[in-house]
Amino acid sequence: MTRITLNDTIQSTVVKMSDGNPGAMTVLMKLLQKEHGIFKLLKLDTLGIYGSAIWVVYKDLLGEDIDVLDRHLAANTLESTILAKCREDEYFKREWEMYT
């Protein structure tokens, strides 16, 4: 079930998506600065990626590169990239499972 509604503001969207995690808030704010940024947040919402999981993807999977995250969301390849990383990296898999 998604969290974002048509009644949400940018601020309420970031708060809902981040679960109060400051790292996730930073990532979401960076994504909003990208072209069609709100749609990238909607994609994360559709995938069910929130809070600490946003930070784990950004930091541990994508090396803190917002452009790579932006490209994955635009190309609809983030989910397959996460699953591939879980198959090859047991530490990442445990961390991912802990936050999702």
Protein backbone atom coordinates (compact mmCIF):
# COMPACT_ATOMS: atom_id res chain seq x y z
CA MET A 1 0.00 0.00 0.00
CA THR A 2 1.42 3.38 -0.96
CA ARG A 3 1.72 6.27 1.49
CA ILE A 4 1.55 9.32 -0.76
CA THR A 5 -1.90 10.77 -1.49
CA LEU A 6 -3.13 13.52 -3.77
CA ASN A 7 -3.62 15.72 -0.70
CA ASP A 8 0.05 15.57 0.32
CA THR A 9 2.39 18.53 0.08
CA ILE A 10 6.07 18.12 -0.73
CA GLN A 11 6.81 18.45 2.98
CA SER A 12 4.28 15.82 4.05
CA THR A 13 5.49 13.51 1.28
CA VAL A 14 9.10 13.74 2.47
CA VAL A 15 8.07 13.16 6.09
CA LYS A 16 5.94 10.12 5.19
CA MET A 17 8.56 8.62 2.90
CA SER A 18 11.52 9.19 5.22
CA ASP A 19 9.95 7.81 8.41
CA GLY A 20 11.90 10.58 10.16
CA ASN A 21 15.26 9.19 9.01
CA PRO A 22 17.56 12.18 8.33
CA GLY A 23 19.57 10.29 5.71
CA ALA A 24 16.41 9.36 3.83
CA MET A 25 15.21 12.97 4.05
CA THR A 26 18.46 14.13 2.47
CA VAL A 27 18.13 11.61 -0.37
CA LEU A 28 14.52 12.56 -1.01
CA MET A 29 15.36 16.27 -1.08
CA LYS A 30 18.17 15.60 -3.56
CA LEU A 31 15.80 13.59 -5.75
CA LEU A 32 13.28 16.42 -5.70
CA GLN A 33 15.94 18.68 -7.22
CA LYS A 34 16.20 16.34 -10.22
CA GLU A 35 14.03 16.63 -13.31
CA HIS A 36 10.61 15.08 -12.58
CA GLY A 37 11.78 14.55 -8.99
CA ILE A 38 8.32 14.08 -7.51
CA PHE A 39 7.78 11.15 -9.86
CA LYS A 40 10.95 9.53 -8.51
CA LEU A 41 9.46 9.75 -5.01
CA LEU A 42 6.25 8.23 -6.31
CA LYS A 43 8.29 5.36 -7.77
CA LEU A 44 9.94 4.71 -4.39
CA ASP A 45 6.48 4.77 -2.83
CA THR A 46 5.18 2.27 -5.40
CA LEU A 47 8.16 0.00 -4.67
CA GLY A 48 7.49 0.27 -0.93
CA ILE A 49 10.94 1.70 -0.18
CA TYR A 50 10.81 4.00 2.86
CA GLY A 51 12.91 5.38 5.70
CA SER A 52 16.15 3.57 6.43
CA ALA A 53 15.74 1.44 3.30
CA ILE A 54 16.08 4.59 1.16
CA TRP A 55 19.33 5.40 2.92
CA VAL A 56 20.64 1.81 2.59
CA VAL A 57 19.96 1.82 -1.17
CA TYR A 58 21.58 5.22 -1.63
CA LYS A 59 24.60 4.65 0.61
CA ASP A 60 25.40 0.94 0.45
CA LEU A 61 24.08 -0.05 -2.96
CA LEU A 62 24.67 3.06 -5.06
CA GLY A 63 27.72 4.57 -3.36
CA GLU A 64 25.93 7.80 -2.38
CA ASP A 65 25.51 8.77 -6.03
CA ILE A 66 22.18 10.56 -6.50
CA ASP A 67 22.57 10.51 -10.28
CA VAL A 68 22.74 6.71 -10.28
CA LEU A 69 19.63 6.51 -8.10
CA ASP A 70 17.89 8.97 -10.41
CA ARG A 71 18.76 6.88 -13.47
CA HIS A 72 17.62 3.62 -11.84
CA LEU A 73 14.28 5.15 -10.90
CA ALA A 74 13.81 6.65 -14.36
CA ALA A 75 14.64 3.34 -16.05
CA ASN A 76 12.63 1.19 -13.61
CA THR A 77 15.71 -0.89 -12.77
CA LEU A 78 16.08 -0.20 -9.04
CA GLU A 79 14.15 -3.25 -7.88
CA SER A 80 16.17 -5.68 -10.03
CA THR A 81 19.41 -4.02 -8.92
CA ILE A 82 18.46 -4.47 -5.26
CA LEU A 83 17.56 -8.13 -5.80
CA ALA A 84 20.82 -8.80 -7.64
CA LYS A 85 22.82 -7.20 -4.82
CA CYS A 86 20.95 -9.30 -2.25
CA ARG A 87 21.92 -12.46 -4.15
CA GLU A 88 25.62 -11.59 -4.26
CA ASP A 89 26.18 -9.81 -0.93
CA GLU A 90 24.98 -11.47 2.27
CA TYR A 91 25.73 -8.39 4.40
CA PHE A 92 23.63 -6.16 2.14
CA LYS A 93 20.87 -8.77 2.09
CA ARG A 94 20.69 -8.86 5.91
CA GLU A 95 20.71 -5.07 6.10
CA TRP A 96 18.03 -4.80 3.40
CA GLU A 97 15.80 -7.36 5.14
CA MET A 98 16.22 -5.54 8.45
CA TYR A 99 14.89 -2.26 7.02
CA THR A 100 12.16 -3.51 4.70
